[in-house]
Amino acid sequence: MYMPKSREELIDRGYCCGCVCTNCPYTPKYITGNTAVDNQQEVKDLTNDKHQKTKL
């Protein structure tokens, strides 16, 4: 069974593989060799974490 790699694992690789990964952090997505990380997703993730913590 295939387990999707986390956003952090994909960033650690350093480039887009072009395999249409679910958590692709690169922009534009799915372009083989692309190294530009989508920082807007990181901001969304941090905002969601902050909201979840305040709900507890």
PDB file of N, CA and C in Angstrom:
ATOM      1  N   MET A   1       0.846  -1.189   0.000  1.00  0.00           N
ATOM      2  CA  MET A   1       0.000   0.000   0.000  1.00  0.00           C
ATOM      3  C   MET A   1       0.889   1.249   0.000  1.00  0.00           C
ATOM      4  N   TYR A   2       0.532   2.208  -0.813  1.00  0.00           N
ATOM      5  CA  TYR A   2       1.292   3.456  -0.932  1.00  0.00           C
ATOM      6  C   TYR A   2       0.899   4.416   0.184  1.00  0.00           C
ATOM      7  N   MET A   3       1.889   4.950   0.878  1.00  0.00           N
ATOM      8  CA  MET A   3       1.661   5.966   1.910  1.00  0.00           C
ATOM      9  C   MET A   3       2.166   7.302   1.376  1.00  0.00           C
ATOM     10  N   PRO A   4       1.294   8.308   1.308  1.00  0.00           N
ATOM     11  CA  PRO A   4       1.736   9.603   0.804  1.00  0.00           C
ATOM     12  C   PRO A   4       2.823  10.203   1.696  1.00  0.00           C
ATOM     13  N   LYS A   5       3.779  10.853   1.087  1.00  0.00           N
ATOM     14  CA  LYS A   5       4.834  11.524   1.840  1.00  0.00           C
ATOM     15  C   LYS A   5       4.286  12.833   2.405  1.00  0.00           C
ATOM     16  N   SER A   6       4.812  13.214   3.552  1.00  0.00           N
ATOM     17  CA  SER A   6       4.380  14.472   4.167  1.00  0.00           C
ATOM     18  C   SER A   6       4.976  15.649   3.398  1.00  0.00           C
ATOM     19  N   ARG A   7       4.420  16.810   3.610  1.00  0.00           N
ATOM     20  CA  ARG A   7       4.919  18.028   2.989  1.00  0.00           C
ATOM     21  C   ARG A   7       6.391  18.226   3.345  1.00  0.00           C
ATOM     22  N   GLU A   8       6.734  17.964   4.601  1.00  0.00           N
ATOM     23  CA  GLU A   8       8.105  18.136   5.066  1.00  0.00           C
ATOM     24  C   GLU A   8       9.063  17.181   4.352  1.00  0.00           C
ATOM     25  N   GLU A   9       8.642  15.935   4.157  1.00  0.00           N
ATOM     26  CA  GLU A   9       9.479  14.967   3.442  1.00  0.00           C
ATOM     27  C   GLU A   9       9.719  15.407   2.000  1.00  0.00           C
ATOM     28  N   LEU A  10       8.681  15.936   1.374  1.00  0.00           N
ATOM     29  CA  LEU A  10       8.806  16.381  -0.015  1.00  0.00           C
ATOM     30  C   LEU A  10       9.722  17.603  -0.120  1.00  0.00           C
ATOM     31  N   ILE A  11       9.636  18.505   0.844  1.00  0.00           N
ATOM     32  CA  ILE A  11      10.522  19.677   0.853  1.00  0.00           C
ATOM     33  C   ILE A  11      11.958  19.226   1.089  1.00  0.00           C
ATOM     34  N   ASP A  12      12.157  18.255   1.989  1.00  0.00           N
ATOM     35  CA  ASP A  12      13.504  17.739   2.264  1.00  0.00           C
ATOM     36  C   ASP A  12      14.150  17.155   1.009  1.00  0.00           C
ATOM     37  N   ARG A  13      13.336  16.582   0.102  1.00  0.00           N
ATOM     38  CA  ARG A  13      13.879  16.044  -1.143  1.00  0.00           C
ATOM     39  C   ARG A  13      14.496  17.165  -1.959  1.00  0.00           C
ATOM     40  N   GLY A  14      13.857  18.348  -1.930  1.00  0.00           N
ATOM     41  CA  GLY A  14      14.439  19.522  -2.576  1.00  0.00           C
ATOM     42  C   GLY A  14      13.923  19.859  -3.952  1.00  0.00           C
ATOM     43  N   TYR A  15      13.094  19.007  -4.536  1.00  0.00           N
ATOM     44  CA  TYR A  15      12.562  19.283  -5.870  1.00  0.00           C
ATOM     45  C   TYR A  15      11.288  18.451  -6.087  1.00  0.00           C
ATOM     46  N   CYS A  16      10.493  18.871  -7.052  1.00  0.00           N
ATOM     47  CA  CYS A  16       9.264  18.147  -7.402  1.00  0.00           C
ATOM     48  C   CYS A  16       9.604  16.959  -8.299  1.00  0.00           C
ATOM     49  N   CYS A  17       9.017  15.811  -7.980  1.00  0.00           N
ATOM     50  CA  CYS A  17       9.262  14.600  -8.779  1.00  0.00           C
ATOM     51  C   CYS A  17       8.293  14.509  -9.962  1.00  0.00           C
ATOM     52  N   GLY A  18       7.215  15.298  -9.942  1.00  0.00           N
ATOM     53  CA  GLY A  18       6.250  15.282 -11.033  1.00  0.00           C
ATOM     54  C   GLY A  18       5.260  14.137 -10.977  1.00  0.00           C
ATOM     55  N   CYS A  19       5.186  13.439  -9.827  1.00  0.00           N
ATOM     56  CA  CYS A  19       4.308  12.266  -9.701  1.00  0.00           C
ATOM     57  C   CYS A  19       2.928  12.588  -9.131  1.00  0.00           C
ATOM     58  N   VAL A  20       2.538  13.861  -9.107  1.00  0.00           N
ATOM     59  CA  VAL A  20       1.226  14.310  -8.632  1.00  0.00           C
ATOM     60  C   VAL A  20       1.000  13.893  -7.169  1.00  0.00           C
ATOM     61  N   CYS A  21       1.985  14.151  -6.318  1.00  0.00           N
ATOM     62  CA  CYS A  21       1.879  13.829  -4.889  1.00  0.00           C
ATOM     63  C   CYS A  21       0.751  14.642  -4.255  1.00  0.00           C
ATOM     64  N   THR A  22       0.008  14.000  -3.366  1.00  0.00           N
ATOM     65  CA  THR A  22      -1.111  14.639  -2.678  1.00  0.00           C
ATOM     66  C   THR A  22      -0.673  15.882  -1.911  1.00  0.00           C
ATOM     67  N   ASN A  23       0.477  15.817  -1.266  1.00  0.00           N
ATOM     68  CA  ASN A  23       0.954  16.920  -0.427  1.00  0.00           C
ATOM     69  C   ASN A  23       2.031  17.755  -1.104  1.00  0.00           C
ATOM     70  N   CYS A  24       2.008  17.821  -2.412  1.00  0.00           N
ATOM     71  CA  CYS A  24       3.035  18.552  -3.159  1.00  0.00           C
ATOM     72  C   CYS A  24       3.140  20.000  -2.662  1.00  0.00           C
ATOM     73  N   PRO A  25       4.339  20.401  -2.160  1.00  0.00           N
ATOM     74  CA  PRO A  25       4.499  21.749  -1.622  1.00  0.00           C
ATOM     75  C   PRO A  25       5.012  22.756  -2.645  1.00  0.00           C
ATOM     76  N   TYR A  26       5.228  22.306  -3.871  1.00  0.00           N
ATOM     77  CA  TYR A  26       5.855  23.168  -4.867  1.00  0.00           C
ATOM     78  C   TYR A  26       4.816  23.922  -5.693  1.00  0.00           C
ATOM     79  N   THR A  27       5.241  25.072  -6.211  1.00  0.00           N
ATOM     80  CA  THR A  27       4.341  25.871  -7.028  1.00  0.00           C
ATOM     81  C   THR A  27       5.081  26.313  -8.290  1.00  0.00           C
ATOM     82  N   PRO A  28       4.527  26.122  -9.483  1.00  0.00           N
ATOM     83  CA  PRO A  28       3.293  25.382  -9.742  1.00  0.00           C
ATOM     84  C   PRO A  28       3.479  23.894  -9.437  1.00  0.00           C
ATOM     85  N   LYS A  29       2.397  23.244  -9.092  1.00  0.00           N
ATOM     86  CA  LYS A  29       2.433  21.838  -8.695  1.00  0.00           C
ATOM     87  C   LYS A  29       2.746  20.914  -9.876  1.00  0.00           C
ATOM     88  N   TYR A  30       3.376  19.793  -9.526  1.00  0.00           N
ATOM     89  CA  TYR A  30       3.578  18.655 -10.436  1.00  0.00           C
ATOM     90  C   TYR A  30       4.472  18.931 -11.637  1.00  0.00           C
ATOM     91  N   ILE A  31       5.382  19.895 -11.515  1.00  0.00           N
ATOM     92  CA  ILE A  31       6.331  20.192 -12.590  1.00  0.00           C
ATOM     93  C   ILE A  31       7.677  19.576 -12.191  1.00  0.00           C
ATOM     94  N   THR A  32       8.086  18.527 -12.879  1.00  0.00           N
ATOM     95  CA  THR A  32       9.313  17.812 -12.555  1.00  0.00           C
ATOM     96  C   THR A  32      10.513  18.755 -12.466  1.00  0.00           C
ATOM     97  N   GLY A  33      11.240  18.666 -11.344  1.00  0.00           N
ATOM     98  CA  GLY A  33      12.428  19.482 -11.142  1.00  0.00           C
ATOM     99  C   GLY A  33      12.171  20.830 -10.499  1.00  0.00           C
ATOM    100  N   ASN A  34      10.912  21.220 -10.341  1.00  0.00           N
ATOM    101  CA  ASN A  34      10.571  22.502  -9.744  1.00  0.00           C
ATOM    102  C   ASN A  34      11.087  22.564  -8.309  1.00  0.00           C
ATOM    103  N   THR A  35      11.649  23.701  -7.880  1.00  0.00           N
ATOM    104  CA  THR A  35      12.178  23.850  -6.525  1.00  0.00           C
ATOM    105  C   THR A  35      11.514  24.981  -5.742  1.00  0.00           C
ATOM    106  N   ALA A  36      10.551  25.685  -6.343  1.00  0.00           N
ATOM    107  CA  ALA A  36       9.872  26.799  -5.674  1.00  0.00           C
ATOM    108  C   ALA A  36       8.801  26.258  -4.737  1.00  0.00           C
ATOM    109  N   VAL A  37       8.969  26.517  -3.432  1.00  0.00           N
ATOM    110  CA  VAL A  37       8.024  26.025  -2.427  1.00  0.00           C
ATOM    111  C   VAL A  37       6.883  27.019  -2.263  1.00  0.00           C
ATOM    112  N   ASP A  38       5.660  26.499  -2.152  1.00  0.00           N
ATOM    113  CA  ASP A  38       4.462  27.309  -1.940  1.00  0.00           C
ATOM    114  C   ASP A  38       4.377  27.674  -0.462  1.00  0.00           C
ATOM    115  N   ASN A  39       4.845  28.866  -0.100  1.00  0.00           N
ATOM    116  CA  ASN A  39       4.842  29.298   1.297  1.00  0.00           C
ATOM    117  C   ASN A  39       3.445  29.660   1.787  1.00  0.00           C
ATOM    118  N   GLN A  40       2.507  29.921   0.895  1.00  0.00           N
ATOM    119  CA  GLN A  40       1.145  30.223   1.306  1.00  0.00           C
ATOM    120  C   GLN A  40       0.519  29.032   2.017  1.00  0.00           C
ATOM    121  N   GLN A  41       0.839  27.816   1.577  1.00  0.00           N
ATOM    122  CA  GLN A  41       0.312  26.621   2.231  1.00  0.00           C
ATOM    123  C   GLN A  41       0.832  26.542   3.656  1.00  0.00           C
ATOM    124  N   GLU A  42       2.080  26.910   3.861  1.00  0.00           N
ATOM    125  CA  GLU A  42       2.674  26.894   5.200  1.00  0.00           C
ATOM    126  C   GLU A  42       1.942  27.873   6.111  1.00  0.00           C
ATOM    127  N   VAL A  43       1.597  29.040   5.596  1.00  0.00           N
ATOM    128  CA  VAL A  43       0.854  30.030   6.374  1.00  0.00           C
ATOM    129  C   VAL A  43      -0.515  29.476   6.738  1.00  0.00           C
ATOM    130  N   LYS A  44      -1.200  28.822   5.790  1.00  0.00           N
ATOM    131  CA  LYS A  44      -2.505  28.217   6.064  1.00  0.00           C
ATOM    132  C   LYS A  44      -2.392  27.164   7.155  1.00  0.00           C
ATOM    133  N   ASP A  45      -1.359  26.323   7.069  1.00  0.00           N
ATOM    134  CA  ASP A  45      -1.162  25.273   8.063  1.00  0.00           C
ATOM    135  C   ASP A  45      -0.953  25.864   9.444  1.00  0.00           C
ATOM    136  N   LEU A  46      -0.165  26.912   9.554  1.00  0.00           N
ATOM    137  CA  LEU A  46       0.083  27.551  10.845  1.00  0.00           C
ATOM    138  C   LEU A  46      -1.190  28.171  11.394  1.00  0.00           C
ATOM    139  N   THR A  47      -1.987  28.785  10.533  1.00  0.00           N
ATOM    140  CA  THR A  47      -3.246  29.388  10.952  1.00  0.00           C
ATOM    141  C   THR A  47      -4.205  28.317  11.455  1.00  0.00           C
ATOM    142  N   ASN A  48      -4.298  27.208  10.743  1.00  0.00           N
ATOM    143  CA  ASN A  48      -5.174  26.112  11.167  1.00  0.00           C
ATOM    144  C   ASN A  48      -4.731  25.548  12.508  1.00  0.00           C
ATOM    145  N   ASP A  49      -3.434  25.395  12.722  1.00  0.00           N
ATOM    146  CA  ASP A  49      -2.909  24.901  13.992  1.00  0.00           C
ATOM    147  C   ASP A  49      -3.297  25.839  15.127  1.00  0.00           C
ATOM    148  N   LYS A  50      -3.208  27.130  14.887  1.00  0.00           N
ATOM    149  CA  LYS A  50      -3.527  28.124  15.916  1.00  0.00           C
ATOM    150  C   LYS A  50      -5.005  28.026  16.284  1.00  0.00           C
ATOM    151  N   HIS A  51      -5.882  27.873  15.278  1.00  0.00           N
ATOM    152  CA  HIS A  51      -7.318  27.754  15.529  1.00  0.00           C
ATOM    153  C   HIS A  51      -7.646  26.471  16.286  1.00  0.00           C
ATOM    154  N   GLN A  52      -7.000  25.384  15.951  1.00  0.00           N
ATOM    155  CA  GLN A  52      -7.250  24.108  16.620  1.00  0.00           C
ATOM    156  C   GLN A  52      -6.841  24.188  18.086  1.00  0.00           C
ATOM    157  N   LYS A  53      -5.737  24.843  18.383  1.00  0.00           N
ATOM    158  CA  LYS A  53      -5.261  24.949  19.754  1.00  0.00           C
ATOM    159  C   LYS A  53      -6.209  25.791  20.598  1.00  0.00           C
ATOM    160  N   THR A  54      -6.802  26.838  20.000  1.00  0.00           N
ATOM    161  CA  THR A  54      -7.708  27.699  20.771  1.00  0.00           C
ATOM    162  C   THR A  54      -9.039  27.000  21.035  1.00  0.00           C
ATOM    163  N   LYS A  55      -9.394  26.002  20.222  1.00  0.00           N
ATOM    164  CA  LYS A  55     -10.641  25.260  20.423  1.00  0.00           C
ATOM    165  C   LYS A  55     -10.526  24.283  21.576  1.00  0.00           C
ATOM    166  N   LEU A  56      -9.309  23.854  21.891  1.00  0.00           N
ATOM    167  CA  LEU A  56      -9.109  22.886  22.980  1.00  0.00           C
ATOM    168  C   LEU A  56      -9.351  23.541  24.257  1.00  0.00           C
TER     169      LEU A  56
END
